[in-house]
Protein backbone atom coordinates (compact mmCIF):
# COMPACT_ATOMS: atom_id res chain seq x y z
CA MET A 1 -125.53 -110.99 41.88
CA LYS A 2 -122.04 -112.36 42.09
CA ARG A 3 -119.25 -110.02 40.91
CA VAL A 4 -116.12 -111.28 39.16
CA SER A 5 -113.13 -109.22 38.03
CA CYS A 6 -111.43 -110.29 34.77
CA ALA A 7 -108.49 -109.04 32.72
CA ALA A 8 -107.97 -109.44 28.97
CA VAL A 9 -105.08 -108.30 26.81
CA ILE A 10 -104.97 -107.22 23.18
CA VAL A 11 -101.52 -108.47 22.15
CA ARG A 12 -100.32 -107.09 18.80
CA ASN A 13 -97.26 -108.01 16.79
CA PRO A 14 -95.22 -105.61 14.58
CA GLN A 15 -97.45 -106.47 11.59
CA GLY A 16 -100.50 -105.20 13.52
CA LYS A 17 -101.98 -108.66 13.96
CA VAL A 18 -103.78 -109.54 17.18
CA LEU A 19 -103.17 -112.71 19.19
CA LEU A 20 -106.24 -114.88 19.80
CA LEU A 21 -106.70 -118.13 21.68
CA LEU A 22 -109.14 -120.84 20.58
CA ARG A 23 -110.94 -122.03 23.73
CA ASP A 24 -111.30 -125.71 24.52
CA ASN A 25 -114.32 -127.49 23.07
CA ARG A 26 -115.83 -128.55 26.41
CA ALA A 27 -119.43 -128.14 27.50
CA ASP A 28 -118.41 -127.24 31.07
CA ILE A 29 -116.77 -123.90 30.14
CA PRO A 30 -118.26 -120.65 28.86
CA CYS A 31 -118.00 -120.10 25.10
CA PRO A 32 -116.44 -123.44 24.13
CA ASN A 33 -114.65 -123.69 20.77
CA GLN A 34 -114.65 -119.90 20.31
CA TRP A 35 -111.73 -117.50 19.93
CA THR A 36 -110.88 -115.03 22.69
CA LEU A 37 -108.25 -112.61 23.88
CA PRO A 38 -105.69 -113.97 26.35
CA GLY A 39 -106.92 -113.31 29.87
CA GLY A 40 -109.01 -114.57 32.73
CA ILE A 41 -110.17 -114.05 36.28
CA VAL A 42 -108.33 -111.70 38.64
CA GLU A 43 -107.38 -113.86 41.62
CA THR A 44 -107.73 -112.79 45.27
CA GLY A 45 -104.94 -110.39 46.25
CA GLU A 46 -104.04 -109.73 42.63
CA THR A 47 -104.46 -106.47 40.71
CA PRO A 48 -105.99 -106.53 37.23
CA LEU A 49 -102.56 -105.65 35.79
CA GLU A 50 -100.94 -108.57 37.63
CA ALA A 51 -103.71 -110.87 36.38
CA ALA A 52 -103.22 -109.65 32.80
CA CYS A 53 -99.47 -110.42 32.93
CA ARG A 54 -100.02 -113.81 34.59
CA GLU A 55 -102.78 -114.91 32.23
CA VAL A 56 -100.84 -113.97 29.09
CA GLU A 57 -97.79 -115.87 30.31
CA GLU A 58 -99.83 -118.92 31.41
CA GLU A 59 -101.80 -119.11 28.18
CA THR A 60 -99.16 -118.09 25.63
CA GLY A 61 -95.72 -118.32 27.23
CA LEU A 62 -95.16 -114.62 26.48
CA GLN A 63 -94.03 -112.02 28.97
CA VAL A 64 -95.60 -108.67 28.13
CA THR A 65 -95.91 -105.23 29.67
CA PRO A 66 -99.61 -104.37 29.35
CA VAL A 67 -101.03 -100.87 29.43
CA SER A 68 -104.59 -100.31 30.64
CA ILE A 69 -107.06 -99.30 27.94
CA SER A 70 -110.47 -99.43 29.60
CA GLN A 71 -112.76 -101.07 32.13
CA TRP A 72 -116.49 -101.86 31.99
CA ASP A 73 -119.12 -104.06 33.61
CA SER A 74 -121.18 -106.64 31.77
CA VAL A 75 -123.72 -109.19 32.96
CA MET A 76 -123.64 -112.84 32.06
CA ASN A 77 -127.39 -113.50 32.12
CA LYS A 78 -127.17 -117.27 32.21
CA ASP A 79 -125.12 -117.22 35.40
CA LYS A 80 -126.35 -113.88 36.83
CA ILE A 81 -122.77 -112.71 37.21
CA VAL A 82 -121.51 -109.14 36.86
CA VAL A 83 -118.15 -109.22 35.10
CA GLU A 84 -115.86 -106.27 35.78
CA GLN A 85 -113.73 -106.47 32.63
CA HIS A 86 -110.31 -104.79 32.56
CA LEU A 87 -108.85 -104.41 29.08
CA PHE A 88 -105.13 -103.98 28.41
CA TYR A 89 -102.91 -103.55 25.37
CA ALA A 90 -99.44 -105.04 24.89
CA ALA A 91 -97.04 -105.06 21.98
CA THR A 92 -94.84 -108.05 21.21
CA THR A 93 -92.14 -108.94 18.72
CA ALA A 94 -93.12 -112.62 19.04
CA ASP A 95 -94.54 -114.71 16.25
CA GLU A 96 -96.28 -118.11 16.26
CA ARG A 97 -92.97 -119.96 16.73
CA ASP A 98 -92.49 -118.16 20.06
CA LEU A 99 -95.88 -119.12 21.47
CA ILE A 100 -96.31 -121.88 24.05
CA LEU A 101 -99.90 -123.10 24.23
CA GLY A 102 -100.77 -123.33 27.92
CA GLU A 103 -104.54 -123.38 27.62
CA GLY A 104 -107.11 -123.94 24.89
CA GLN A 105 -106.70 -125.57 21.49
CA LYS A 106 -104.65 -123.07 19.51
CA LEU A 107 -102.95 -119.66 19.49
CA GLU A 108 -102.67 -117.56 16.38
CA PHE A 109 -102.06 -113.98 15.23
CA PHE A 110 -104.80 -112.56 12.98
CA SER A 111 -105.18 -109.46 10.82
CA ALA A 112 -108.49 -107.57 10.95
CA VAL A 113 -109.55 -109.19 7.67
CA GLU A 114 -108.94 -112.60 9.26
CA TRP A 115 -110.37 -112.09 12.76
CA ARG A 116 -113.56 -110.42 11.53
CA ASP A 117 -114.66 -113.81 10.16
CA LEU A 118 -114.05 -115.66 13.45
CA ASN A 119 -116.51 -116.55 16.21
CA ILE A 120 -115.01 -114.44 19.01
CA ALA A 121 -116.31 -114.88 22.56
CA PHE A 122 -117.24 -112.47 25.35
CA GLY A 123 -118.01 -109.52 23.07
CA PHE A 124 -114.33 -109.09 22.22
CA LYS A 125 -115.00 -108.72 18.48
CA ALA A 126 -116.70 -105.39 19.23
CA VAL A 127 -113.76 -104.47 21.47
CA LEU A 128 -111.32 -105.19 18.65
CA GLU A 129 -113.45 -103.16 16.24
CA GLN A 130 -113.61 -100.27 18.70
CA HIS A 131 -109.83 -100.21 19.05
CA ALA A 132 -109.24 -100.72 15.29
CA VAL A 133 -107.04 -103.70 15.97
CA GLY A 134 -105.29 -105.33 13.05
CA SER A 135 -106.29 -102.69 10.55
CA SER A 136 -102.72 -102.09 9.40
């Protein structure tokens, strides 16, 4: 099996809302037209922390200082890939006006009441539940 390292960041604003990105609606990408946390693949020579910072800035325009929360492996059965997922947390004072969409269709901050109704990719809804994100 192929092994891929990825980094994702739970970005929360002062109101406790979490930042999610709506993925492009293209058949050639995993989980099209679904919401996800900012993040992506850790590139060669890059640490997961460096990837987390880079991906957040590329996708949202925000510069954050992530803190590691956890790491786990999951298998994408369709592609027979083991994903080593690194999860980070970062606080921001930004709001939607500060966001620069660099990838996907849309960026938005959501409260727990709001994000619980969304179609969230890569098992990140369970991750948000586990970390009680947006419950304030």
